[in-house]
Each structure stands twice: as C-alpha cells, then as structure tokens.
Amino acid sequence: MSAGKRSAGLLLFRVTGTGTGSERDVEVLIGHMGGPFWAGREAAAWSVPKGEYGPDEEPAAAARREFEEELGVPVPDGVWLPLGEARQRSGKTVTVWAVEAELDVASVVPGTFTMEWPRGSGVQQEFPEMDRFAWCTPEQAAEQLIAGQRVFVQRLRAQVRGEAASPEA
C-alpha cells in the first residue's frame, strides 16, 4: 500500500509593522510555477518553493534541497518555524516550514527541468522550475498561491501575531 506522494517546502517571510498582535504582519516569498502549463496564468499559479521526496529522505532535508534547487541560492540562516502539513487536491501531502529572512529576488537563479514540448512533438525543451519570485502580502498570496498552500500563510500570520490559527488552518 502506497503512502502517497509527499512534498516539503520552505516559505521565507519578513515581518512588517511594529508592536504586537494585529499591528504585526508578514510578507512571504512565493514563486510562479514555470513551464508552458503555467505561462500566462497568475491566479492560483504560484507556489511555496517545495518538491517531492521519497521514503529515504527527511522532509526538512527535502525542503532545504528543493529551496536551493528552485532558487539557486542557499537557504538563509534562521530558525525554522513548523507550519505543519496540508493535503492538496491532488492527494499529495505537503509539509512546510517558515524562515524569517531577507532575499533579493534579483539574486535568484531558478533551477530548470526538461520536458517534451509541444506534447507529442518529440522536441525536448528546458523550462525554469519557477520563472519568477515575489514578496507578497497575505492577501496577495491568497490570490496567487494554489489553493492548497494558502493555509501555510494563514498559519504563519497567526504565529507572527501570536494568535490561534483558525480551525481550517
């Protein structure tokens, strides 16, 4: 019996606002998924940098590996805050951590993948895994992230504000 596909990722964030509670907020770094399927799409076409891992790899190690592969830069130093797991519509389980850090998106050198495109053509083309990155408010991220990953931003925001996460989060 298969345990199902699993992915792990790392969500960079920076705190905005001052004080405590609702005066504090976050911005998160997300990436637009690369390749022809996502070209021209914005809403629900962005993701936390993440990737699949097998039974012989620890989720945190996979999150680090995928971050470095997808952004082409080392994981910034910082405390890893666990944001838990969420099951995606596809059935895949995603585990995410957050790290407070600054990252200049101009320094990113995205990793690539190769696929046959157009389908059935026999032509192999290379595409970036993520073709651009942006710092977003939680409201912007709610529009741009694929639906199953929005919960991680909600959980992070609740932690930063010292609030209890909502039941659906």
Protein backbone atom coordinates (compact mmCIF):
# COMPACT_ATOMS: atom_id res chain seq x y z
CA MET A 1 0.00 0.00 0.00
CA SER A 2 1.45 3.39 -1.01
CA ALA A 3 1.69 6.23 1.47
CA GLY A 4 1.01 8.73 -1.34
CA LYS A 5 3.19 11.49 -2.70
CA ARG A 6 4.78 13.89 -0.25
CA SER A 7 6.41 17.29 -0.75
CA ALA A 8 8.28 19.59 1.58
CA GLY A 9 9.00 23.28 1.27
CA LEU A 10 10.35 26.40 2.85
CA LEU A 11 8.45 29.70 3.00
CA LEU A 12 10.62 32.77 3.55
CA PHE A 13 8.96 35.66 5.35
CA ARG A 14 9.69 39.09 6.69
CA VAL A 15 7.79 40.84 9.45
CA THR A 16 6.08 44.12 8.64
CA GLY A 17 4.54 46.61 11.04
CA THR A 18 5.56 47.25 14.60
CA GLY A 19 4.31 46.40 18.03
CA THR A 20 2.45 43.22 18.82
CA GLY A 21 -0.69 41.39 17.79
CA SER A 22 -2.58 42.63 14.75
CA GLU A 23 -0.11 45.52 14.29
CA ARG A 24 2.41 42.94 13.10
CA ASP A 25 2.08 41.21 9.76
CA VAL A 26 4.18 39.34 7.23
CA GLU A 27 5.22 39.31 3.63
CA VAL A 28 6.07 35.94 2.09
CA LEU A 29 8.29 34.94 -0.80
CA ILE A 30 6.49 32.78 -3.36
CA GLY A 31 7.35 31.65 -6.87
CA HIS A 32 5.40 31.48 -10.11
CA MET A 33 5.47 27.93 -11.47
CA GLY A 34 7.44 27.58 -14.66
CA GLY A 35 6.73 25.75 -17.85
CA PRO A 36 4.12 26.04 -20.58
CA PHE A 37 1.14 24.91 -18.46
CA TRP A 38 1.50 27.92 -16.11
CA ALA A 39 2.53 30.51 -18.72
CA GLY A 40 0.08 33.39 -18.86
CA ARG A 41 -1.63 32.37 -15.60
CA GLU A 42 -1.39 34.39 -12.41
CA ALA A 43 -4.23 33.43 -10.07
CA ALA A 44 -3.51 30.12 -8.33
CA ALA A 45 -0.30 29.68 -10.35
CA TRP A 46 2.23 30.44 -7.59
CA SER A 47 3.74 28.11 -5.02
CA VAL A 48 5.87 27.82 -1.94
CA PRO A 49 9.30 26.59 -3.09
CA LYS A 50 8.87 22.86 -2.50
CA GLY A 51 9.30 19.46 -4.02
CA GLU A 52 8.68 15.76 -3.67
CA TYR A 53 10.75 13.43 -1.56
CA GLY A 54 10.93 9.69 -1.08
CA PRO A 55 10.80 7.44 1.96
CA ASP A 56 14.58 7.61 2.49
CA GLU A 57 14.72 11.43 2.81
CA GLU A 58 13.67 13.52 5.78
CA PRO A 59 11.11 16.26 4.98
CA ALA A 60 13.37 19.06 6.30
CA ALA A 61 16.26 17.86 4.12
CA ALA A 62 13.92 17.80 1.11
CA ALA A 63 12.70 21.33 1.90
CA ARG A 64 16.31 22.58 2.01
CA ARG A 65 17.25 20.73 -1.21
CA GLU A 66 14.21 21.97 -3.11
CA PHE A 67 14.68 25.58 -1.96
CA GLU A 68 18.29 25.53 -3.20
CA GLU A 69 17.32 23.82 -6.48
CA GLU A 70 14.39 26.10 -7.27
CA LEU A 71 16.01 29.40 -6.26
CA GLY A 72 19.67 28.63 -6.93
CA VAL A 73 20.74 30.22 -3.65
CA PRO A 74 21.48 28.73 -0.22
CA VAL A 75 18.77 28.63 2.44
CA PRO A 76 19.20 31.73 4.62
CA ASP A 77 20.18 31.22 8.23
CA GLY A 78 17.35 31.37 10.70
CA VAL A 79 15.01 29.42 12.91
CA TRP A 80 12.71 27.03 11.04
CA LEU A 81 9.12 27.51 12.21
CA PRO A 82 6.98 24.44 11.51
CA LEU A 83 3.77 25.27 9.65
CA GLY A 84 2.56 21.67 9.57
CA GLU A 85 1.08 19.63 6.78
CA ALA A 86 -1.76 20.13 4.33
CA ARG A 87 -3.27 17.70 1.88
CA GLN A 88 -3.54 19.08 -1.64
CA ARG A 89 -6.43 18.49 -4.02
CA SER A 90 -4.19 16.05 -5.90
CA GLY A 91 -3.89 13.94 -2.75
CA LYS A 92 -0.26 14.93 -2.16
CA THR A 93 0.68 15.86 1.42
CA VAL A 94 2.82 19.00 1.72
CA THR A 95 4.90 19.89 4.79
CA VAL A 96 6.17 23.47 5.11
CA TRP A 97 8.47 25.42 7.40
CA ALA A 98 8.90 29.20 7.51
CA VAL A 99 12.17 31.10 7.97
CA GLU A 100 12.39 34.82 8.64
CA ALA A 101 14.94 36.21 6.18
CA GLU A 102 15.56 38.82 3.51
CA LEU A 103 16.25 37.69 -0.02
CA ASP A 104 16.75 39.89 -3.07
CA VAL A 105 14.74 38.23 -5.84
CA ALA A 106 17.27 39.59 -8.35
CA SER A 107 19.82 37.13 -6.87
CA VAL A 108 17.69 34.09 -7.70
CA VAL A 109 18.87 31.71 -10.44
CA PRO A 110 16.00 29.24 -10.92
CA GLY A 111 16.64 25.57 -11.50
CA THR A 112 15.27 24.01 -14.68
CA PHE A 113 13.50 20.90 -15.87
CA THR A 114 13.22 19.29 -19.30
CA MET A 115 10.02 18.10 -20.91
CA GLU A 116 8.64 17.29 -24.33
CA TRP A 117 7.01 20.44 -25.69
CA PRO A 118 4.77 20.72 -27.55
CA ARG A 119 3.38 17.38 -26.41
CA GLY A 120 3.81 14.66 -28.99
CA SER A 121 6.42 16.67 -30.93
CA GLY A 122 9.45 14.69 -29.78
CA VAL A 123 11.17 18.01 -29.02
CA GLN A 124 12.71 18.33 -25.55
CA GLN A 125 12.73 21.85 -24.10
CA GLU A 126 14.11 23.25 -20.88
CA PHE A 127 11.98 25.43 -18.59
CA PRO A 128 12.61 27.09 -15.22
CA GLU A 129 11.01 25.26 -12.28
CA MET A 130 9.81 28.67 -11.11
CA ASP A 131 10.09 31.54 -13.55
CA ARG A 132 9.81 34.48 -11.14
CA PHE A 133 9.57 35.26 -7.45
CA ALA A 134 7.84 37.98 -5.48
CA TRP A 135 7.34 39.18 -1.93
CA CYS A 136 3.59 39.27 -1.26
CA THR A 137 1.22 40.28 1.49
CA PRO A 138 -1.02 37.51 2.84
CA GLU A 139 -3.90 38.94 0.79
CA GLN A 140 -1.85 38.86 -2.42
CA ALA A 141 -0.63 35.35 -1.62
CA ALA A 142 -4.24 34.21 -1.11
CA GLU A 143 -4.98 35.17 -4.73
CA GLN A 144 -1.75 33.88 -6.24
CA LEU A 145 -0.96 30.64 -4.39
CA ILE A 146 -2.52 27.39 -5.43
CA ALA A 147 -5.48 26.82 -3.13
CA GLY A 148 -3.99 24.00 -1.07
CA GLN A 149 -1.00 26.10 0.03
CA ARG A 150 -2.83 29.19 1.27
CA VAL A 151 -3.23 27.60 4.69
CA PHE A 152 0.51 27.91 5.32
CA VAL A 153 0.38 31.71 5.02
CA GLN A 154 -2.61 31.78 7.39
CA ARG A 155 -0.73 29.66 9.92
CA LEU A 156 2.39 31.81 9.64
CA ARG A 157 0.42 35.03 10.06
CA ALA A 158 -1.27 33.63 13.18
CA GLN A 159 2.12 32.66 14.67
CA VAL A 160 3.65 36.08 13.99
CA ARG A 161 0.65 37.83 15.53
CA GLY A 162 0.52 35.45 18.49
CA GLU A 163 -2.99 34.30 17.56
CA ALA A 164 -4.52 30.87 17.50
CA ALA A 165 -4.82 29.55 13.96
CA SER A 166 -8.36 29.19 12.64
CA PRO A 167 -9.80 25.64 12.61
CA GLU A 168 -9.44 25.30 8.81
CA ALA A 169 -5.83 26.42 9.04
